PDB file of N, CA and C in Angstrom:
ATOM      1  N   MET A   1      81.193  89.710 127.078  1.00  0.00           N
ATOM      2  CA  MET A   1      82.528  90.268 127.107  1.00  0.00           C
ATOM      3  C   MET A   1      83.503  89.260 126.506  1.00  0.00           C
ATOM      4  N   THR A   2      84.465  89.745 125.739  1.00  0.00           N
ATOM      5  CA  THR A   2      85.412  88.846 125.110  1.00  0.00           C
ATOM      6  C   THR A   2      86.533  88.490 126.074  1.00  0.00           C
ATOM      7  N   GLU A   3      87.074  87.340 125.853  1.00  0.00           N
ATOM      8  CA  GLU A   3      88.183  86.854 126.684  1.00  0.00           C
ATOM      9  C   GLU A   3      89.465  87.599 126.307  1.00  0.00           C
ATOM     10  N   PRO A   4      90.270  87.985 127.311  1.00  0.00           N
ATOM     11  CA  PRO A   4      91.516  88.689 126.973  1.00  0.00           C
ATOM     12  C   PRO A   4      92.469  87.777 126.193  1.00  0.00           C
ATOM     13  N   LEU A   5      93.247  88.398 125.336  1.00  0.00           N
ATOM     14  CA  LEU A   5      94.212  87.647 124.528  1.00  0.00           C
ATOM     15  C   LEU A   5      95.344  87.130 125.415  1.00  0.00           C
ATOM     16  N   PRO A   6      95.890  85.966 125.098  1.00  0.00           N
ATOM     17  CA  PRO A   6      97.031  85.479 125.866  1.00  0.00           C
ATOM     18  C   PRO A   6      98.247  86.378 125.639  1.00  0.00           C
ATOM     19  N   VAL A   7      99.053  86.517 126.652  1.00  0.00           N
ATOM     20  CA  VAL A   7     100.240  87.368 126.549  1.00  0.00           C
ATOM     21  C   VAL A   7     101.414  86.537 126.051  1.00  0.00           C
ATOM     22  N   LYS A   8     101.904  86.877 124.892  1.00  0.00           N
ATOM     23  CA  LYS A   8     103.120  86.304 124.305  1.00  0.00           C
ATOM     24  C   LYS A   8     104.056  87.482 124.120  1.00  0.00           C
ATOM     25  N   THR A   9     104.971  87.671 125.051  1.00  0.00           N
ATOM     26  CA  THR A   9     105.774  88.890 125.131  1.00  0.00           C
ATOM     27  C   THR A   9     106.478  89.223 123.823  1.00  0.00           C
ATOM     28  N   MET A  10     107.131  88.279 123.213  1.00  0.00           N
ATOM     29  CA  MET A  10     107.894  88.575 121.991  1.00  0.00           C
ATOM     30  C   MET A  10     106.978  88.926 120.818  1.00  0.00           C
ATOM     31  N   ILE A  11     105.832  88.255 120.712  1.00  0.00           N
ATOM     32  CA  ILE A  11     104.901  88.595 119.634  1.00  0.00           C
ATOM     33  C   ILE A  11     104.320  89.984 119.882  1.00  0.00           C
ATOM     34  N   MET A  12     104.038  90.292 121.146  1.00  0.00           N
ATOM     35  CA  MET A  12     103.558  91.641 121.472  1.00  0.00           C
ATOM     36  C   MET A  12     104.623  92.685 121.126  1.00  0.00           C
ATOM     37  N   ALA A  13     105.865  92.378 121.427  1.00  0.00           N
ATOM     38  CA  ALA A  13     106.945  93.313 121.132  1.00  0.00           C
ATOM     39  C   ALA A  13     107.064  93.543 119.626  1.00  0.00           C
ATOM     40  N   HIS A  14     106.985  92.471 118.839  1.00  0.00           N
ATOM     41  CA  HIS A  14     107.081  92.626 117.385  1.00  0.00           C
ATOM     42  C   HIS A  14     105.861  93.357 116.822  1.00  0.00           C
ATOM     43  N   THR A  15     104.706  93.151 117.434  1.00  0.00           N
ATOM     44  CA  THR A  15     103.513  93.890 117.009  1.00  0.00           C
ATOM     45  C   THR A  15     103.707  95.379 117.276  1.00  0.00           C
ATOM     46  N   ALA A  16     104.228  95.706 118.458  1.00  0.00           N
ATOM     47  CA  ALA A  16     104.503  97.116 118.784  1.00  0.00           C
ATOM     48  C   ALA A  16     105.507  97.709 117.803  1.00  0.00           C
ATOM     49  N   GLU A  17     106.526  96.931 117.451  1.00  0.00           N
ATOM     50  CA  GLU A  17     107.526  97.415 116.504  1.00  0.00           C
ATOM     51  C   GLU A  17     106.918  97.629 115.119  1.00  0.00           C
ATOM     52  N   MET A  18     106.021  96.751 114.694  1.00  0.00           N
ATOM     53  CA  MET A  18     105.362  96.890 113.397  1.00  0.00           C
ATOM     54  C   MET A  18     104.550  98.183 113.346  1.00  0.00           C
ATOM     55  N   LEU A  19     104.000  98.584 114.477  1.00  0.00           N
ATOM     56  CA  LEU A  19     103.192  99.805 114.553  1.00  0.00           C
ATOM     57  C   LEU A  19     104.022 101.039 114.911  1.00  0.00           C
ATOM     58  N   ALA A  20     105.337 100.899 114.975  1.00  0.00           N
ATOM     59  CA  ALA A  20     106.256 101.996 115.305  1.00  0.00           C
ATOM     60  C   ALA A  20     106.015 102.561 116.695  1.00  0.00           C
ATOM     61  N   VAL A  21     105.488 101.749 117.594  1.00  0.00           N
ATOM     62  CA  VAL A  21     105.251 102.212 118.967  1.00  0.00           C
ATOM     63  C   VAL A  21     106.556 102.563 119.671  1.00  0.00           C
ATOM     64  N   PRO A  22     107.628 101.775 119.549  1.00  0.00           N
ATOM     65  CA  PRO A  22     108.858 102.169 120.241  1.00  0.00           C
ATOM     66  C   PRO A  22     109.359 103.548 119.820  1.00  0.00           C
ATOM     67  N   HIS A  23     109.167 103.880 118.564  1.00  0.00           N
ATOM     68  CA  HIS A  23     109.632 105.170 118.065  1.00  0.00           C
ATOM     69  C   HIS A  23     108.749 106.321 118.552  1.00  0.00           C
ATOM     70  N   ARG A  24     107.481 106.049 118.793  1.00  0.00           N
ATOM     71  CA  ARG A  24     106.528 107.106 119.109  1.00  0.00           C
ATOM     72  C   ARG A  24     106.306 107.339 120.603  1.00  0.00           C
ATOM     73  N   VAL A  25     106.241 106.284 121.411  1.00  0.00           N
ATOM     74  CA  VAL A  25     105.832 106.494 122.805  1.00  0.00           C
ATOM     75  C   VAL A  25     106.755 105.876 123.848  1.00  0.00           C
ATOM     76  N   CYS A  26     107.750 105.155 123.441  1.00  0.00           N
ATOM     77  CA  CYS A  26     108.532 104.383 124.407  1.00  0.00           C
ATOM     78  C   CYS A  26     109.631 105.185 125.091  1.00  0.00           C
ATOM     79  N   ARG A  27     110.276 104.475 125.983  1.00  0.00           N
ATOM     80  CA  ARG A  27     111.421 105.018 126.698  1.00  0.00           C
ATOM     81  C   ARG A  27     112.545 105.333 125.716  1.00  0.00           C
ATOM     82  N   ARG A  28     113.466 106.103 126.175  1.00  0.00           N
ATOM     83  CA  ARG A  28     114.584 106.533 125.342  1.00  0.00           C
ATOM     84  C   ARG A  28     115.360 105.353 124.751  1.00  0.00           C
ATOM     85  N   ASP A  29     115.600 104.326 125.540  1.00  0.00           N
ATOM     86  CA  ASP A  29     116.339 103.165 125.070  1.00  0.00           C
ATOM     87  C   ASP A  29     115.618 102.481 123.906  1.00  0.00           C
ATOM     88  N   CYS A  30     114.311 102.359 124.001  1.00  0.00           N
ATOM     89  CA  CYS A  30     113.532 101.724 122.932  1.00  0.00           C
ATOM     90  C   CYS A  30     113.556 102.577 121.663  1.00  0.00           C
ATOM     91  N   ARG A  31     113.432 103.881 121.832  1.00  0.00           N
ATOM     92  CA  ARG A  31     113.457 104.767 120.661  1.00  0.00           C
ATOM     93  C   ARG A  31     114.800 104.684 119.944  1.00  0.00           C
ATOM     94  N   ARG A  32     115.875 104.668 120.687  1.00  0.00           N
ATOM     95  CA  ARG A  32     117.207 104.620 120.066  1.00  0.00           C
ATOM     96  C   ARG A  32     117.430 103.321 119.302  1.00  0.00           C
ATOM     97  N   LYS A  33     117.025 102.232 119.887  1.00  0.00           N
ATOM     98  CA  LYS A  33     117.233 100.924 119.255  1.00  0.00           C
ATOM     99  C   LYS A  33     116.153 100.593 118.229  1.00  0.00           C
ATOM    100  N   LYS A  34     115.030 101.376 118.244  1.00  0.00           N
ATOM    101  CA  LYS A  34     113.879 101.106 117.372  1.00  0.00           C
ATOM    102  C   LYS A  34     113.361  99.693 117.588  1.00  0.00           C
ATOM    103  N   ARG A  35     113.437  99.279 118.845  1.00  0.00           N
ATOM    104  CA  ARG A  35     112.972  97.939 119.239  1.00  0.00           C
ATOM    105  C   ARG A  35     112.283  98.032 120.578  1.00  0.00           C
ATOM    106  N   CYS A  36     111.358  97.148 120.792  1.00  0.00           N
ATOM    107  CA  CYS A  36     110.651  97.063 122.064  1.00  0.00           C
ATOM    108  C   CYS A  36     111.541  96.266 123.022  1.00  0.00           C
ATOM    109  N   ARG A  37     112.075  96.940 124.046  1.00  0.00           N
ATOM    110  CA  ARG A  37     113.061  96.300 124.911  1.00  0.00           C
ATOM    111  C   ARG A  37     112.619  96.153 126.361  1.00  0.00           C
ATOM    112  N   TRP A  38     111.548  96.815 126.765  1.00  0.00           N
ATOM    113  CA  TRP A  38     111.120  96.788 128.154  1.00  0.00           C
ATOM    114  C   TRP A  38     109.725  96.177 128.267  1.00  0.00           C
ATOM    115  N   HIS A  39     109.551  95.293 129.220  1.00  0.00           N
ATOM    116  CA  HIS A  39     108.228  94.723 129.480  1.00  0.00           C
ATOM    117  C   HIS A  39     108.042  94.559 130.987  1.00  0.00           C
ATOM    118  N   PHE A  40     106.769  94.536 131.374  1.00  0.00           N
ATOM    119  CA  PHE A  40     106.441  94.343 132.780  1.00  0.00           C
ATOM    120  C   PHE A  40     106.726  92.894 133.171  1.00  0.00           C
ATOM    121  N   LYS A  41     107.429  92.689 134.259  1.00  0.00           N
ATOM    122  CA  LYS A  41     107.768  91.330 134.706  1.00  0.00           C
ATOM    123  C   LYS A  41     106.522  90.552 135.138  1.00  0.00           C
ATOM    124  N   THR A  42     105.536  91.254 135.713  1.00  0.00           N
ATOM    125  CA  THR A  42     104.352  90.559 136.234  1.00  0.00           C
ATOM    126  C   THR A  42     103.424  90.075 135.119  1.00  0.00           C
ATOM    127  N   THR A  43     103.228  90.892 134.074  1.00  0.00           N
ATOM    128  CA  THR A  43     102.280  90.520 133.018  1.00  0.00           C
ATOM    129  C   THR A  43     102.955  90.056 131.744  1.00  0.00           C
ATOM    130  N   GLY A  44     104.169  90.509 131.502  1.00  0.00           N
ATOM    131  CA  GLY A  44     104.863  90.184 130.263  1.00  0.00           C
ATOM    132  C   GLY A  44     104.553  91.149 129.130  1.00  0.00           C
ATOM    133  N   GLU A  45     103.637  92.084 129.338  1.00  0.00           N
ATOM    134  CA  GLU A  45     103.299  93.050 128.299  1.00  0.00           C
ATOM    135  C   GLU A  45     104.391  94.098 128.155  1.00  0.00           C
ATOM    136  N   PRO A  46     104.643  94.549 126.931  1.00  0.00           N
ATOM    137  CA  PRO A  46     105.585  95.653 126.750  1.00  0.00           C
ATOM    138  C   PRO A  46     105.113  96.894 127.518  1.00  0.00           C
ATOM    139  N   CYS A  47     106.038  97.600 128.126  1.00  0.00           N
ATOM    140  CA  CYS A  47     105.697  98.777 128.936  1.00  0.00           C
ATOM    141  C   CYS A  47     105.021  99.863 128.116  1.00  0.00           C
ATOM    142  N   CYS A  48     105.371  99.969 126.848  1.00  0.00           N
ATOM    143  CA  CYS A  48     104.825 101.050 126.027  1.00  0.00           C
ATOM    144  C   CYS A  48     103.316 100.953 125.862  1.00  0.00           C
ATOM    145  N   LEU A  49     102.739  99.778 126.032  1.00  0.00           N
ATOM    146  CA  LEU A  49     101.299  99.637 125.836  1.00  0.00           C
ATOM    147  C   LEU A  49     100.509 100.465 126.837  1.00  0.00           C
ATOM    148  N   SER A  50     101.090 100.719 127.990  1.00  0.00           N
ATOM    149  CA  SER A  50     100.400 101.538 128.992  1.00  0.00           C
ATOM    150  C   SER A  50     100.324 102.998 128.559  1.00  0.00           C
ATOM    151  N   GLN A  51     101.107 103.384 127.553  1.00  0.00           N
ATOM    152  CA  GLN A  51     101.117 104.760 127.055  1.00  0.00           C
ATOM    153  C   GLN A  51     100.125 104.990 125.918  1.00  0.00           C
ATOM    154  N   LEU A  52      99.502 103.931 125.431  1.00  0.00           N
ATOM    155  CA  LEU A  52      98.596 104.057 124.297  1.00  0.00           C
ATOM    156  C   LEU A  52      97.214 104.548 124.734  1.00  0.00           C
ATOM    157  N   THR A  53      96.562 105.275 123.845  1.00  0.00           N
ATOM    158  CA  THR A  53      95.175 105.675 124.094  1.00  0.00           C
ATOM    159  C   THR A  53      94.284 104.446 123.912  1.00  0.00           C
ATOM    160  N   THR A  54      93.038 104.568 124.274  1.00  0.00           N
ATOM    161  CA  THR A  54      92.106 103.447 124.141  1.00  0.00           C
ATOM    162  C   THR A  54      91.996 102.996 122.687  1.00  0.00           C
ATOM    163  N   GLU A  55      91.898 103.933 121.764  1.00  0.00           N
ATOM    164  CA  GLU A  55      91.783 103.597 120.349  1.00  0.00           C
ATOM    165  C   GLU A  55      93.080 102.968 119.830  1.00  0.00           C
ATOM    166  N   GLN A  56      94.217 103.509 120.220  1.00  0.00           N
ATOM    167  CA  GLN A  56      95.494 102.932 119.811  1.00  0.00           C
ATOM    168  C   GLN A  56      95.632 101.512 120.345  1.00  0.00           C
ATOM    169  N   ARG A  57      95.219 101.287 121.575  1.00  0.00           N
ATOM    170  CA  ARG A  57      95.312  99.948 122.171  1.00  0.00           C
ATOM    171  C   ARG A  57      94.376  98.984 121.450  1.00  0.00           C
ATOM    172  N   ARG A  58      93.208  99.472 121.051  1.00  0.00           N
ATOM    173  CA  ARG A  58      92.272  98.616 120.315  1.00  0.00           C
ATOM    174  C   ARG A  58      92.901  98.176 118.994  1.00  0.00           C
ATOM    175  N   LEU A  59      93.545  99.101 118.292  1.00  0.00           N
ATOM    176  CA  LEU A  59      94.205  98.766 117.028  1.00  0.00           C
ATOM    177  C   LEU A  59      95.379  97.812 117.253  1.00  0.00           C
ATOM    178  N   PHE A  60      96.141  98.041 118.324  1.00  0.00           N
ATOM    179  CA  PHE A  60      97.234  97.129 118.664  1.00  0.00           C
ATOM    180  C   PHE A  60      96.683  95.726 118.896  1.00  0.00           C
ATOM    181  N   ASP A  61      95.633  95.630 119.724  1.00  0.00           N
ATOM    182  CA  ASP A  61      95.055  94.321 120.041  1.00  0.00           C
ATOM    183  C   ASP A  61      94.512  93.619 118.804  1.00  0.00           C
ATOM    184  N   GLU A  62      93.969  94.397 117.870  1.00  0.00           N
ATOM    185  CA  GLU A  62      93.447  93.808 116.640  1.00  0.00           C
ATOM    186  C   GLU A  62      94.582  93.165 115.826  1.00  0.00           C
ATOM    187  N   LEU A  63      95.673  93.882 115.645  1.00  0.00           N
ATOM    188  CA  LEU A  63      96.812  93.333 114.909  1.00  0.00           C
ATOM    189  C   LEU A  63      97.443  92.162 115.660  1.00  0.00           C
ATOM    190  N   TYR A  64      97.554  92.274 116.962  1.00  0.00           N
ATOM    191  CA  TYR A  64      98.116  91.201 117.782  1.00  0.00           C
ATOM    192  C   TYR A  64      97.273  89.930 117.658  1.00  0.00           C
ATOM    193  N   ALA A  65      95.960  90.075 117.698  1.00  0.00           N
ATOM    194  CA  ALA A  65      95.071  88.913 117.564  1.00  0.00           C
ATOM    195  C   ALA A  65      95.235  88.255 116.200  1.00  0.00           C
ATOM    196  N   VAL A  66      95.377  89.063 115.151  1.00  0.00           N
ATOM    197  CA  VAL A  66      95.582  88.523 113.801  1.00  0.00           C
ATOM    198  C   VAL A  66      96.908  87.761 113.743  1.00  0.00           C
ATOM    199  N   ALA A  67      97.964  88.343 114.303  1.00  0.00           N
ATOM    200  CA  ALA A  67      99.279  87.687 114.293  1.00  0.00           C
ATOM    201  C   ALA A  67      99.232  86.354 115.046  1.00  0.00           C
ATOM    202  N   LEU A  68      98.569  86.325 116.200  1.00  0.00           N
ATOM    203  CA  LEU A  68      98.448  85.067 116.952  1.00  0.00           C
ATOM    204  C   LEU A  68      97.680  84.029 116.151  1.00  0.00           C
ATOM    205  N   ASP A  69      96.586  84.449 115.529  1.00  0.00           N
ATOM    206  CA  ASP A  69      95.764  83.520 114.757  1.00  0.00           C
ATOM    207  C   ASP A  69      96.532  82.971 113.568  1.00  0.00           C
ATOM    208  N   ILE A  70      97.257  83.830 112.873  1.00  0.00           N
ATOM    209  CA  ILE A  70      98.033  83.369 111.718  1.00  0.00           C
ATOM    210  C   ILE A  70      99.162  82.451 112.168  1.00  0.00           C
ATOM    211  N   ARG A  71      99.816  82.779 113.267  1.00  0.00           N
ATOM    212  CA  ARG A  71     100.882  81.912 113.765  1.00  0.00           C
ATOM    213  C   ARG A  71     100.345  80.514 114.071  1.00  0.00           C
ATOM    214  N   ASP A  72      99.163  80.447 114.651  1.00  0.00           N
ATOM    215  CA  ASP A  72      98.608  79.160 115.059  1.00  0.00           C
ATOM    216  C   ASP A  72      97.887  78.424 113.929  1.00  0.00           C
ATOM    217  N   ASN A  73      97.284  79.147 112.977  1.00  0.00           N
ATOM    218  CA  ASN A  73      96.415  78.508 111.991  1.00  0.00           C
ATOM    219  C   ASN A  73      96.745  78.798 110.540  1.00  0.00           C
ATOM    220  N   GLY A  74      97.725  79.657 110.259  1.00  0.00           N
ATOM    221  CA  GLY A  74      98.023  80.040 108.879  1.00  0.00           C
ATOM    222  C   GLY A  74      98.335  78.848 107.993  1.00  0.00           C
ATOM    223  N   GLY A  75      97.556  78.681 106.944  1.00  0.00           N
ATOM    224  CA  GLY A  75      97.772  77.591 106.004  1.00  0.00           C
ATOM    225  C   GLY A  75      97.160  76.273 106.416  1.00  0.00           C
ATOM    226  N   ARG A  76      96.670  76.184 107.612  1.00  0.00           N
ATOM    227  CA  ARG A  76      96.020  74.944 108.053  1.00  0.00           C
ATOM    228  C   ARG A  76      94.553  74.985 107.654  1.00  0.00           C
ATOM    229  N   MET A  77      94.037  73.877 107.248  1.00  0.00           N
ATOM    230  CA  MET A  77      92.634  73.739 106.852  1.00  0.00           C
ATOM    231  C   MET A  77      92.258  74.757 105.775  1.00  0.00           C
ATOM    232  N   GLY A  78      93.205  75.111 104.927  1.00  0.00           N
ATOM    233  CA  GLY A  78      92.943  76.013 103.813  1.00  0.00           C
ATOM    234  C   GLY A  78      92.854  77.485 104.179  1.00  0.00           C
ATOM    235  N   LEU A  79      93.185  77.865 105.405  1.00  0.00           N
ATOM    236  CA  LEU A  79      93.105  79.269 105.814  1.00  0.00           C
ATOM    237  C   LEU A  79      94.262  80.049 105.215  1.00  0.00           C
ATOM    238  N   MET A  80      93.941  80.972 104.297  1.00  0.00           N
ATOM    239  CA  MET A  80      94.977  81.734 103.604  1.00  0.00           C
ATOM    240  C   MET A  80      95.052  83.182 104.057  1.00  0.00           C
ATOM    241  N   TYR A  81      94.056  83.660 104.794  1.00  0.00           N
ATOM    242  CA  TYR A  81      94.080  85.034 105.304  1.00  0.00           C
ATOM    243  C   TYR A  81      94.336  86.025 104.185  1.00  0.00           C
ATOM    244  N   ALA A  82      93.429  86.062 103.249  1.00  0.00           N
ATOM    245  CA  ALA A  82      93.567  86.986 102.124  1.00  0.00           C
ATOM    246  C   ALA A  82      92.193  87.540 101.752  1.00  0.00           C
ATOM    247  N   TRP A  83      91.620  88.328 102.616  1.00  0.00           N
ATOM    248  CA  TRP A  83      90.323  88.924 102.350  1.00  0.00           C
ATOM    249  C   TRP A  83      90.421  89.892 101.189  1.00  0.00           C
ATOM    250  N   PRO A  84      89.329  90.055 100.450  1.00  0.00           N
ATOM    251  CA  PRO A  84      89.352  90.982  99.321  1.00  0.00           C
ATOM    252  C   PRO A  84      89.365  92.460  99.737  1.00  0.00           C
ATOM    253  N   ASP A  85      88.992  92.764 100.971  1.00  0.00           N
ATOM    254  CA  ASP A  85      88.993  94.147 101.455  1.00  0.00           C
ATOM    255  C   ASP A  85      90.436  94.612 101.660  1.00  0.00           C
ATOM    256  N   PRO A  86      90.868  95.698 100.994  1.00  0.00           N
ATOM    257  CA  PRO A  86      92.264  96.144 101.099  1.00  0.00           C
ATOM    258  C   PRO A  86      92.714  96.446 102.531  1.00  0.00           C
ATOM    259  N   ALA A  87      91.843  97.022 103.346  1.00  0.00           N
ATOM    260  CA  ALA A  87      92.233  97.343 104.726  1.00  0.00           C
ATOM    261  C   ALA A  87      92.480  96.069 105.531  1.00  0.00           C
ATOM    262  N   GLN A  88      91.606  95.096 105.382  1.00  0.00           N
ATOM    263  CA  GLN A  88      91.790  93.824 106.091  1.00  0.00           C
ATOM    264  C   GLN A  88      93.008  93.080 105.559  1.00  0.00           C
ATOM    265  N   ARG A  89      93.224  93.159 104.262  1.00  0.00           N
ATOM    266  CA  ARG A  89      94.375  92.469 103.660  1.00  0.00           C
ATOM    267  C   ARG A  89      95.684  93.048 104.193  1.00  0.00           C
ATOM    268  N   ALA A  90      95.752  94.373 104.358  1.00  0.00           N
ATOM    269  CA  ALA A  90      96.956  95.006 104.901  1.00  0.00           C
ATOM    270  C   ALA A  90      97.183  94.551 106.342  1.00  0.00           C
ATOM    271  N   LEU A  91      96.122  94.444 107.102  1.00  0.00           N
ATOM    272  CA  LEU A  91      96.229  93.960 108.480  1.00  0.00           C
ATOM    273  C   LEU A  91      96.746  92.524 108.497  1.00  0.00           C
ATOM    274  N   GLN A  92      96.236  91.704 107.606  1.00  0.00           N
ATOM    275  CA  GLN A  92      96.683  90.316 107.533  1.00  0.00           C
ATOM    276  C   GLN A  92      98.121  90.210 107.044  1.00  0.00           C
ATOM    277  N   ASP A  93      98.513  91.043 106.099  1.00  0.00           N
ATOM    278  CA  ASP A  93      99.909  91.046 105.638  1.00  0.00           C
ATOM    279  C   ASP A  93     100.848  91.346 106.799  1.00  0.00           C
ATOM    280  N   ALA A  94     100.488  92.337 107.598  1.00  0.00           N
ATOM    281  CA  ALA A  94     101.302  92.675 108.769  1.00  0.00           C
ATOM    282  C   ALA A  94     101.306  91.511 109.764  1.00  0.00           C
ATOM    283  N   GLY A  95     100.170  90.870 109.945  1.00  0.00           N
ATOM    284  CA  GLY A  95     100.088  89.720 110.851  1.00  0.00           C
ATOM    285  C   GLY A  95     100.975  88.563 110.400  1.00  0.00           C
ATOM    286  N   VAL A  96     101.041  88.328 109.095  1.00  0.00           N
ATOM    287  CA  VAL A  96     101.908  87.273 108.557  1.00  0.00           C
ATOM    288  C   VAL A  96     103.367  87.592 108.850  1.00  0.00           C
ATOM    289  N   GLU A  97     103.758  88.845 108.646  1.00  0.00           N
ATOM    290  CA  GLU A  97     105.154  89.238 108.891  1.00  0.00           C
ATOM    291  C   GLU A  97     105.523  89.109 110.368  1.00  0.00           C
ATOM    292  N   ILE A  98     104.608  89.422 111.244  1.00  0.00           N
ATOM    293  CA  ILE A  98     104.868  89.258 112.681  1.00  0.00           C
ATOM    294  C   ILE A  98     104.946  87.776 113.023  1.00  0.00           C
ATOM    295  N   ALA A  99     103.988  87.014 112.539  1.00  0.00           N
ATOM    296  CA  ALA A  99     103.901  85.591 112.888  1.00  0.00           C
ATOM    297  C   ALA A  99     105.105  84.794 112.389  1.00  0.00           C
ATOM    298  N   ARG A 100     105.649  85.157 111.232  1.00  0.00           N
ATOM    299  CA  ARG A 100     106.734  84.355 110.649  1.00  0.00           C
ATOM    300  C   ARG A 100     107.967  84.302 111.547  1.00  0.00           C
ATOM    301  N   ASN A 101     108.126  85.281 112.430  1.00  0.00           N
ATOM    302  CA  ASN A 101     109.263  85.272 113.353  1.00  0.00           C
ATOM    303  C   ASN A 101     109.038  84.396 114.572  1.00  0.00           C
ATOM    304  N   HIS A 102     107.856  83.830 114.691  1.00  0.00           N
ATOM    305  CA  HIS A 102     107.521  83.072 115.898  1.00  0.00           C
ATOM    306  C   HIS A 102     106.998  81.669 115.586  1.00  0.00           C
ATOM    307  N   ILE A 103     107.379  81.159 114.440  1.00  0.00           N
ATOM    308  CA  ILE A 103     106.996  79.799 114.055  1.00  0.00           C
ATOM    309  C   ILE A 103     108.057  78.844 114.587  1.00  0.00           C
ATOM    310  N   PRO A 104     107.643  77.756 115.249  1.00  0.00           N
ATOM    311  CA  PRO A 104     108.639  76.794 115.731  1.00  0.00           C
ATOM    312  C   PRO A 104     109.444  76.200 114.567  1.00  0.00           C
ATOM    313  N   ALA A 105     110.658  75.832 114.836  1.00  0.00           N
ATOM    314  CA  ALA A 105     111.559  75.305 113.792  1.00  0.00           C
ATOM    315  C   ALA A 105     110.941  74.122 113.052  1.00  0.00           C
ATOM    316  N   TRP A 106     110.248  73.250 113.772  1.00  0.00           N
ATOM    317  CA  TRP A 106     109.682  72.070 113.139  1.00  0.00           C
ATOM    318  C   TRP A 106     108.524  72.401 112.193  1.00  0.00           C
ATOM    319  N   ASP A 107     107.988  73.632 112.246  1.00  0.00           N
ATOM    320  CA  ASP A 107     106.833  74.011 111.435  1.00  0.00           C
ATOM    321  C   ASP A 107     107.175  75.049 110.365  1.00  0.00           C
ATOM    322  N   LYS A 108     108.438  75.441 110.269  1.00  0.00           N
ATOM    323  CA  LYS A 108     108.826  76.508 109.335  1.00  0.00           C
ATOM    324  C   LYS A 108     108.579  76.133 107.871  1.00  0.00           C
ATOM    325  N   ARG A 109     108.826  74.908 107.510  1.00  0.00           N
ATOM    326  CA  ARG A 109     108.640  74.495 106.114  1.00  0.00           C
ATOM    327  C   ARG A 109     107.173  74.648 105.696  1.00  0.00           C
ATOM    328  N   ARG A 110     106.262  74.196 106.542  1.00  0.00           N
ATOM    329  CA  ARG A 110     104.840  74.331 106.238  1.00  0.00           C
ATOM    330  C   ARG A 110     104.437  75.801 106.178  1.00  0.00           C
ATOM    331  N   PHE A 111     104.916  76.611 107.121  1.00  0.00           N
ATOM    332  CA  PHE A 111     104.541  78.024 107.155  1.00  0.00           C
ATOM    333  C   PHE A 111     105.110  78.769 105.945  1.00  0.00           C
ATOM    334  N   ASP A 112     106.314  78.441 105.538  1.00  0.00           N
ATOM    335  CA  ASP A 112     106.890  79.073 104.348  1.00  0.00           C
ATOM    336  C   ASP A 112     106.096  78.712 103.091  1.00  0.00           C
ATOM    337  N   ALA A 113     105.624  77.478 103.022  1.00  0.00           N
ATOM    338  CA  ALA A 113     104.783  77.076 101.887  1.00  0.00           C
ATOM    339  C   ALA A 113     103.476  77.877 101.907  1.00  0.00           C
ATOM    340  N   PHE A 114     102.905  78.072 103.086  1.00  0.00           N
ATOM    341  CA  PHE A 114     101.705  78.896 103.233  1.00  0.00           C
ATOM    342  C   PHE A 114     101.964  80.314 102.744  1.00  0.00           C
ATOM    343  N   ARG A 115     103.094  80.903 103.114  1.00  0.00           N
ATOM    344  CA  ARG A 115     103.422  82.271 102.690  1.00  0.00           C
ATOM    345  C   ARG A 115     103.575  82.361 101.172  1.00  0.00           C
ATOM    346  N   ARG A 116     104.237  81.373 100.567  1.00  0.00           N
ATOM    347  CA  ARG A 116     104.413  81.385  99.113  1.00  0.00           C
ATOM    348  C   ARG A 116     103.070  81.280  98.395  1.00  0.00           C
ATOM    349  N   GLU A 117     102.198  80.397  98.876  1.00  0.00           N
ATOM    350  CA  GLU A 117     100.880  80.242  98.261  1.00  0.00           C
ATOM    351  C   GLU A 117     100.042  81.511  98.432  1.00  0.00           C
ATOM    352  N   ARG A 118     100.160  82.137  99.581  1.00  0.00           N
ATOM    353  CA  ARG A 118      99.410  83.363  99.853  1.00  0.00           C
ATOM    354  C   ARG A 118      99.840  84.488  98.920  1.00  0.00           C
ATOM    355  N   GLU A 119     101.126  84.552  98.594  1.00  0.00           N
ATOM    356  CA  GLU A 119     101.629  85.592  97.698  1.00  0.00           C
ATOM    357  C   GLU A 119     101.093  85.444  96.279  1.00  0.00           C
ATOM    358  N   LYS A 120     100.666  84.246  95.909  1.00  0.00           N
ATOM    359  CA  LYS A 120     100.143  84.007  94.567  1.00  0.00           C
ATOM    360  C   LYS A 120      98.689  84.460  94.425  1.00  0.00           C
ATOM    361  N   LEU A 121      98.021  84.729  95.533  1.00  0.00           N
ATOM    362  CA  LEU A 121      96.607  85.110  95.489  1.00  0.00           C
ATOM    363  C   LEU A 121      96.450  86.472  94.832  1.00  0.00           C
ATOM    364  N   PRO A 122      95.289  86.719  94.207  1.00  0.00           N
ATOM    365  CA  PRO A 122      95.081  88.007  93.550  1.00  0.00           C
ATOM    366  C   PRO A 122      95.091  89.150  94.578  1.00  0.00           C
ATOM    367  N   PRO A 123      95.472  90.344  94.140  1.00  0.00           N
ATOM    368  CA  PRO A 123      95.487  91.483  95.064  1.00  0.00           C
ATOM    369  C   PRO A 123      94.064  91.832  95.491  1.00  0.00           C
ATOM    370  N   PRO A 124      93.931  92.558  96.598  1.00  0.00           N
ATOM    371  CA  PRO A 124      92.596  92.926  97.059  1.00  0.00           C
ATOM    372  C   PRO A 124      91.912  93.849  96.052  1.00  0.00           C
ATOM    373  N   ARG A 125      90.589  93.743  95.994  1.00  0.00           N
ATOM    374  CA  ARG A 125      89.809  94.585  95.072  1.00  0.00           C
ATOM    375  C   ARG A 125      89.585  95.954  95.689  1.00  0.00           C
ATOM    376  N   ARG A 126      89.718  96.951  94.881  1.00  0.00           N
ATOM    377  CA  ARG A 126      89.423  98.322  95.311  1.00  0.00           C
ATOM    378  C   ARG A 126      87.918  98.541  95.203  1.00  0.00           C
ATOM    379  N   PRO A 127      87.334  99.284  96.161  1.00  0.00           N
ATOM    380  CA  PRO A 127      85.898  99.554  96.061  1.00  0.00           C
ATOM    381  C   PRO A 127      85.584 100.385  94.809  1.00  0.00           C
ATOM    382  N   ALA A 128      84.453 100.106  94.223  1.00  0.00           N
ATOM    383  CA  ALA A 128      84.060 100.794  92.984  1.00  0.00           C
ATOM    384  C   ALA A 128      83.559 102.205  93.244  1.00  0.00           C
TER     385      ALA A 128
END
């Protein structure tokens, strides 16, 4: 069994926003603001996650895990997160956009350099 992902409330909220969860399943306040505004005090998870189906939650967790990994390791040790598979590349692109909002101030210069270098990489290959 895999270990549960650590709860980072703001990264979870931005992941939910990237997937349009506030617009689709959240409380009225979240839908109006188009932002994830409510979370459980005990766990820190956004409340809307309890409304997701098993498959939707699996997809959320997949994107959340990518965003956490990119935030912690993007550009370090040559990790560019640019797989040739278009579906994986789109997931990684979304993860980069989520992660960029959660980089500590002292690490922003390095992360921005990583983003610029990543943009220079060739586009993903389409299957033949």
